[in-house]
Amino acid sequence: MRFEDYMKKPRHRLPKLGRVVEIDLDVLRCGVGEGLGVIFDCDAVVKRKVRRVMDSNGWRWQLARQWKDQEFWDYCFEQDKEQILNINYEYGLIK
């Protein structure tokens, strides 16, 4: 399910606070092309786990770790975290 689908739901149909759900996140990744060349900014859809957390202004989405120390070895974790932060700004969850 995508973020847009969750945000269209009424408030009482959203996942409970703290409950981890899997979403499809549109991302830009680098890939390997023909002749082992690097292709930058390939559109991809990855599955990431997120949760709703309380903030001083209400609730927001937060990226959830799937494994211990994931932010150290998953080089895309920080990029996806920033993208979820942008989605929070886009929907007005963070000001």
N, C-alpha and C. Protein backbone atom coordinates (compact mmCIF):
# COMPACT_ATOMS: atom_id res chain seq x y z
N MET A 1 0.84 -1.17 0.00
CA MET A 1 0.00 0.00 0.00
C MET A 1 0.90 1.24 0.00
N ARG A 2 0.47 2.28 -0.65
CA ARG A 2 1.25 3.50 -0.75
C ARG A 2 0.80 4.51 0.31
N PHE A 3 1.65 5.53 0.51
CA PHE A 3 1.30 6.59 1.47
C PHE A 3 -0.01 7.27 1.09
N GLU A 4 -0.20 7.50 -0.20
CA GLU A 4 -1.41 8.20 -0.66
C GLU A 4 -2.67 7.43 -0.25
N ASP A 5 -2.60 6.09 -0.30
CA ASP A 5 -3.75 5.28 0.07
C ASP A 5 -4.06 5.41 1.57
N TYR A 6 -3.02 5.45 2.39
CA TYR A 6 -3.23 5.62 3.83
C TYR A 6 -3.78 7.00 4.15
N MET A 7 -3.29 8.02 3.44
CA MET A 7 -3.71 9.38 3.77
C MET A 7 -5.14 9.67 3.29
N LYS A 8 -5.67 8.89 2.37
CA LYS A 8 -7.06 9.07 1.92
C LYS A 8 -8.06 8.46 2.90
N LYS A 9 -7.58 7.56 3.75
CA LYS A 9 -8.47 6.90 4.70
C LYS A 9 -8.93 7.88 5.77
N PRO A 10 -10.11 7.65 6.33
CA PRO A 10 -10.53 8.47 7.48
C PRO A 10 -9.60 8.21 8.66
N ARG A 11 -9.57 9.14 9.58
CA ARG A 11 -8.63 9.07 10.70
C ARG A 11 -8.79 7.78 11.51
N HIS A 12 -10.00 7.31 11.68
CA HIS A 12 -10.20 6.11 12.50
C HIS A 12 -9.81 4.82 11.78
N ARG A 13 -9.48 4.89 10.49
CA ARG A 13 -9.07 3.71 9.73
C ARG A 13 -7.55 3.62 9.56
N LEU A 14 -6.79 4.61 10.05
CA LEU A 14 -5.33 4.57 9.96
C LEU A 14 -4.79 3.53 10.94
N PRO A 15 -3.57 3.01 10.70
CA PRO A 15 -2.99 2.06 11.67
C PRO A 15 -2.77 2.74 13.02
N LYS A 16 -2.83 1.95 14.07
CA LYS A 16 -2.64 2.50 15.42
C LYS A 16 -1.25 3.07 15.57
N LEU A 17 -1.09 4.00 16.49
CA LEU A 17 0.21 4.61 16.75
C LEU A 17 1.20 3.52 17.18
N GLY A 18 2.39 3.57 16.60
CA GLY A 18 3.43 2.61 16.95
C GLY A 18 3.36 1.30 16.20
N ARG A 19 2.25 1.00 15.53
CA ARG A 19 2.13 -0.25 14.79
C ARG A 19 2.89 -0.13 13.48
N VAL A 20 3.71 -1.10 13.18
CA VAL A 20 4.54 -1.09 11.98
C VAL A 20 3.73 -1.64 10.80
N VAL A 21 3.70 -0.88 9.71
CA VAL A 21 3.05 -1.31 8.48
C VAL A 21 4.04 -1.21 7.33
N GLU A 22 3.81 -2.00 6.31
CA GLU A 22 4.70 -2.00 5.14
C GLU A 22 4.08 -1.14 4.06
N ILE A 23 4.89 -0.25 3.48
CA ILE A 23 4.42 0.64 2.42
C ILE A 23 5.32 0.49 1.20
N ASP A 24 4.79 0.90 0.06
CA ASP A 24 5.57 0.96 -1.17
C ASP A 24 6.08 2.38 -1.30
N LEU A 25 7.39 2.55 -1.32
CA LEU A 25 8.02 3.86 -1.36
C LEU A 25 8.68 4.06 -2.72
N ASP A 26 8.32 5.14 -3.41
CA ASP A 26 8.96 5.48 -4.68
C ASP A 26 10.30 6.14 -4.39
N VAL A 27 11.37 5.56 -4.92
CA VAL A 27 12.71 6.06 -4.63
C VAL A 27 13.52 6.17 -5.92
N LEU A 28 14.62 6.90 -5.83
CA LEU A 28 15.60 6.97 -6.90
C LEU A 28 16.84 6.22 -6.43
N ARG A 29 17.27 5.25 -7.22
CA ARG A 29 18.44 4.45 -6.87
C ARG A 29 19.42 4.46 -8.04
N CYS A 30 20.63 4.10 -7.74
CA CYS A 30 21.64 3.92 -8.78
C CYS A 30 21.63 2.44 -9.18
N GLY A 31 21.83 2.20 -10.46
CA GLY A 31 21.82 0.83 -10.94
C GLY A 31 23.00 0.56 -11.85
N VAL A 32 23.16 -0.70 -12.23
CA VAL A 32 24.23 -1.10 -13.13
C VAL A 32 23.62 -1.29 -14.51
N GLY A 33 24.22 -0.63 -15.47
CA GLY A 33 23.72 -0.71 -16.84
C GLY A 33 24.53 -1.66 -17.69
N GLU A 34 24.37 -1.52 -18.99
CA GLU A 34 25.08 -2.35 -19.94
C GLU A 34 26.57 -2.02 -19.89
N GLY A 35 27.41 -3.00 -19.98
CA GLY A 35 28.85 -2.78 -19.92
C GLY A 35 29.32 -2.40 -18.53
N LEU A 36 28.54 -2.74 -17.50
CA LEU A 36 28.84 -2.46 -16.09
C LEU A 36 28.99 -0.97 -15.80
N GLY A 37 28.30 -0.14 -16.57
CA GLY A 37 28.27 1.28 -16.29
C GLY A 37 27.22 1.60 -15.25
N VAL A 38 27.38 2.70 -14.59
CA VAL A 38 26.44 3.10 -13.53
C VAL A 38 25.34 3.96 -14.15
N ILE A 39 24.11 3.64 -13.82
CA ILE A 39 22.96 4.45 -14.23
C ILE A 39 22.45 5.14 -12.98
N PHE A 40 22.43 6.46 -13.02
CA PHE A 40 21.99 7.23 -11.86
C PHE A 40 20.49 7.51 -11.95
N ASP A 41 19.87 7.64 -10.80
CA ASP A 41 18.46 8.04 -10.67
C ASP A 41 17.50 7.12 -11.42
N CYS A 42 17.57 5.84 -11.15
CA CYS A 42 16.61 4.88 -11.68
C CYS A 42 15.39 4.87 -10.75
N ASP A 43 14.21 5.05 -11.32
CA ASP A 43 13.00 4.99 -10.51
C ASP A 43 12.77 3.56 -10.05
N ALA A 44 12.47 3.40 -8.80
CA ALA A 44 12.22 2.08 -8.24
C ALA A 44 11.16 2.20 -7.14
N VAL A 45 10.52 1.10 -6.87
CA VAL A 45 9.56 1.02 -5.77
C VAL A 45 10.09 -0.03 -4.80
N VAL A 46 10.35 0.39 -3.57
CA VAL A 46 10.84 -0.54 -2.55
C VAL A 46 9.82 -0.62 -1.42
N LYS A 47 9.83 -1.74 -0.75
CA LYS A 47 8.95 -1.92 0.40
C LYS A 47 9.73 -1.54 1.65
N ARG A 48 9.19 -0.62 2.41
CA ARG A 48 9.80 -0.19 3.67
C ARG A 48 8.76 -0.27 4.77
N LYS A 49 9.23 -0.46 5.98
CA LYS A 49 8.33 -0.51 7.13
C LYS A 49 8.34 0.85 7.81
N VAL A 50 7.15 1.37 8.08
CA VAL A 50 6.99 2.65 8.74
C VAL A 50 6.00 2.50 9.89
N ARG A 51 6.01 3.48 10.78
CA ARG A 51 5.04 3.50 11.88
C ARG A 51 4.58 4.93 12.10
N ARG A 52 3.43 5.08 12.70
CA ARG A 52 2.93 6.39 13.10
C ARG A 52 3.42 6.65 14.51
N VAL A 53 4.00 7.85 14.72
CA VAL A 53 4.48 8.23 16.05
C VAL A 53 3.91 9.59 16.41
N MET A 54 3.83 9.85 17.71
CA MET A 54 3.35 11.14 18.18
C MET A 54 4.48 12.16 18.11
N ASP A 55 4.09 13.37 17.76
CA ASP A 55 5.01 14.50 17.68
C ASP A 55 4.38 15.64 18.48
N SER A 56 5.11 16.72 18.63
CA SER A 56 4.56 17.86 19.37
C SER A 56 3.37 18.48 18.64
N ASN A 57 3.29 18.31 17.33
CA ASN A 57 2.19 18.87 16.54
C ASN A 57 1.12 17.85 16.19
N GLY A 58 1.19 16.67 16.72
CA GLY A 58 0.24 15.61 16.37
C GLY A 58 1.01 14.33 16.07
N TRP A 59 0.65 13.67 14.98
CA TRP A 59 1.35 12.44 14.61
C TRP A 59 2.05 12.62 13.27
N ARG A 60 3.03 11.75 13.01
CA ARG A 60 3.77 11.77 11.75
C ARG A 60 4.23 10.35 11.44
N TRP A 61 4.70 10.14 10.21
CA TRP A 61 5.25 8.86 9.79
C TRP A 61 6.73 8.81 10.13
N GLN A 62 7.22 7.63 10.51
CA GLN A 62 8.63 7.44 10.82
C GLN A 62 9.07 6.10 10.26
N LEU A 63 10.28 6.07 9.69
CA LEU A 63 10.83 4.85 9.14
C LEU A 63 11.22 3.92 10.28
N ALA A 64 10.82 2.66 10.18
CA ALA A 64 11.12 1.68 11.23
C ALA A 64 12.25 0.76 10.76
N ARG A 65 13.15 0.45 11.67
CA ARG A 65 14.22 -0.50 11.34
C ARG A 65 13.66 -1.91 11.28
N GLN A 66 14.16 -2.69 10.35
CA GLN A 66 13.76 -4.08 10.25
C GLN A 66 14.76 -5.00 10.92
N TRP A 67 16.02 -4.56 11.00
CA TRP A 67 17.09 -5.33 11.61
C TRP A 67 17.92 -4.45 12.52
N LYS A 68 18.63 -5.06 13.42
CA LYS A 68 19.49 -4.32 14.34
C LYS A 68 20.61 -3.62 13.56
N ASP A 69 20.89 -2.38 13.90
CA ASP A 69 21.95 -1.58 13.27
C ASP A 69 21.77 -1.42 11.77
N GLN A 70 20.54 -1.38 11.31
CA GLN A 70 20.26 -1.27 9.87
C GLN A 70 20.78 0.04 9.29
N GLU A 71 20.77 1.11 10.06
CA GLU A 71 21.21 2.40 9.52
C GLU A 71 22.72 2.41 9.24
N PHE A 72 23.47 1.47 9.79
CA PHE A 72 24.91 1.41 9.54
C PHE A 72 25.25 0.69 8.24
N TRP A 73 24.54 -0.39 7.92
CA TRP A 73 24.91 -1.16 6.74
C TRP A 73 23.97 -0.96 5.56
N ASP A 74 22.79 -0.40 5.76
CA ASP A 74 21.86 -0.14 4.66
C ASP A 74 22.12 1.28 4.15
N TYR A 75 22.80 1.40 3.03
CA TYR A 75 23.22 2.71 2.54
C TYR A 75 22.05 3.56 2.04
N CYS A 76 20.91 2.97 1.82
CA CYS A 76 19.74 3.73 1.36
C CYS A 76 18.81 4.13 2.51
N PHE A 77 19.09 3.69 3.72
CA PHE A 77 18.21 3.95 4.86
C PHE A 77 18.07 5.44 5.12
N GLU A 78 19.18 6.17 5.10
CA GLU A 78 19.15 7.61 5.38
C GLU A 78 18.39 8.37 4.28
N GLN A 79 18.58 7.97 3.03
CA GLN A 79 17.85 8.60 1.92
C GLN A 79 16.36 8.38 2.06
N ASP A 80 15.96 7.16 2.41
CA ASP A 80 14.54 6.87 2.58
C ASP A 80 13.96 7.60 3.79
N LYS A 81 14.77 7.78 4.81
CA LYS A 81 14.34 8.54 5.99
C LYS A 81 14.05 10.00 5.63
N GLU A 82 14.93 10.57 4.81
CA GLU A 82 14.71 11.94 4.35
C GLU A 82 13.47 12.05 3.47
N GLN A 83 13.23 11.03 2.65
CA GLN A 83 12.06 11.06 1.79
C GLN A 83 10.77 10.99 2.61
N ILE A 84 10.76 10.20 3.65
CA ILE A 84 9.57 10.13 4.51
C ILE A 84 9.37 11.45 5.24
N LEU A 85 10.46 12.11 5.61
CA LEU A 85 10.37 13.44 6.21
C LEU A 85 9.73 14.42 5.22
N ASN A 86 10.11 14.34 3.95
CA ASN A 86 9.51 15.19 2.92
C ASN A 86 8.03 14.89 2.74
N ILE A 87 7.66 13.62 2.83
CA ILE A 87 6.24 13.24 2.72
C ILE A 87 5.47 13.82 3.89
N ASN A 88 6.06 13.81 5.09
CA ASN A 88 5.40 14.40 6.25
C ASN A 88 5.16 15.90 6.04
N TYR A 89 6.14 16.59 5.48
CA TYR A 89 5.97 18.03 5.16
C TYR A 89 4.91 18.22 4.09
N GLU A 90 4.89 17.36 3.10
CA GLU A 90 3.94 17.48 1.99
C GLU A 90 2.50 17.37 2.47
N TYR A 91 2.25 16.46 3.40
CA TYR A 91 0.89 16.28 3.92
C TYR A 91 0.58 17.17 5.11
N GLY A 92 1.52 18.03 5.50
CA GLY A 92 1.26 18.96 6.58
C GLY A 92 1.32 18.36 7.97
N LEU A 93 1.99 17.21 8.10
CA LEU A 93 2.10 16.58 9.41
C LEU A 93 3.19 17.20 10.25
N ILE A 94 4.18 17.82 9.60
CA ILE A 94 5.25 18.55 10.27
C ILE A 94 5.26 19.96 9.72
N LYS A 95 5.45 20.92 10.59
CA LYS A 95 5.46 22.33 10.13
C LYS A 95 6.82 22.93 10.27
